[in-house]
């Protein structure tokens, strides 16, 4: 069963990849990404998704096959 945190991270990642969004960090690219601070830096949030094993290529392949 997915936790609420996993669902929100999954949704953010899907939205970012689908729309081919790029973000920039206003800090030093090591912002805390946790339940309370996850919406403060989208750059670091996306980077954490990638670090946790989420892959752009997998989502892009799924969307190409669906079209």
Protein backbone atom coordinates (compact mmCIF):
# COMPACT_ATOMS: atom_id res chain seq x y z
CA UNK A 1 0.00 0.00 0.00
CA UNK A 2 1.34 3.44 -0.92
CA UNK A 3 1.66 6.04 1.77
CA UNK A 4 0.38 9.57 1.22
CA UNK A 5 3.97 10.74 0.89
CA UNK A 6 4.66 8.26 -1.92
CA UNK A 7 1.50 9.26 -3.76
CA UNK A 8 2.32 12.96 -3.62
CA UNK A 9 5.90 12.33 -4.77
CA UNK A 10 4.68 10.08 -7.58
CA UNK A 11 2.17 12.71 -8.73
CA UNK A 12 4.76 15.49 -8.65
CA UNK A 13 7.24 13.37 -10.61
CA UNK A 14 4.66 12.34 -13.23
CA UNK A 15 3.52 15.93 -13.70
CA UNK A 16 7.09 17.18 -14.05
CA UNK A 17 8.02 14.54 -16.62
CA UNK A 18 4.79 14.77 -18.61
CA UNK A 19 5.08 18.52 -18.98
CA UNK A 20 8.87 18.38 -19.44
CA UNK A 21 9.29 20.95 -16.65
CA UNK A 22 12.66 22.26 -15.52
CA UNK A 23 13.23 23.86 -12.15
CA UNK A 24 15.97 25.91 -10.55
CA UNK A 25 17.06 26.03 -6.93
CA UNK A 26 17.27 29.37 -5.15
CA UNK A 27 19.51 27.85 -2.50
CA UNK A 28 22.61 25.71 -2.74
CA UNK A 29 20.91 22.65 -4.31
CA UNK A 30 20.60 20.78 -1.03
CA UNK A 31 17.26 22.01 0.32
CA UNK A 32 15.54 19.78 2.89
CA UNK A 33 12.80 17.74 1.24
CA UNK A 34 10.46 16.30 3.82
CA UNK A 35 6.75 16.38 4.56
CA UNK A 36 6.88 19.97 5.78
CA UNK A 37 9.31 21.49 3.25
CA UNK A 38 8.69 19.53 0.05
CA UNK A 39 6.89 22.39 -1.72
CA UNK A 40 9.58 24.99 -1.10
CA UNK A 41 12.05 23.82 -3.77
CA UNK A 42 10.83 21.90 -6.79
CA UNK A 43 14.37 21.49 -8.13
CA UNK A 44 15.54 19.64 -5.03
CA UNK A 45 12.28 17.70 -4.82
CA UNK A 46 12.67 16.40 -8.38
CA UNK A 47 16.31 15.60 -7.71
CA UNK A 48 15.28 13.58 -4.65
CA UNK A 49 12.74 11.64 -6.74
CA UNK A 50 15.52 10.74 -9.18
CA UNK A 51 17.85 9.82 -6.32
CA UNK A 52 15.16 7.53 -4.87
CA UNK A 53 15.06 5.59 -8.13
CA UNK A 54 12.30 7.18 -10.18
CA UNK A 55 13.20 7.24 -13.88
CA UNK A 56 12.06 9.73 -16.53
CA UNK A 57 12.59 7.18 -19.28
CA UNK A 58 10.08 4.74 -17.82
CA UNK A 59 7.30 7.33 -17.70
CA UNK A 60 8.15 8.68 -21.15
CA UNK A 61 7.97 5.15 -22.60
CA UNK A 62 4.58 4.58 -20.98
CA UNK A 63 3.16 7.78 -22.45
CA UNK A 64 4.53 7.04 -25.93
CA UNK A 65 2.86 3.60 -25.90
CA UNK A 66 -0.47 5.05 -24.74
CA UNK A 67 -0.69 7.60 -27.57
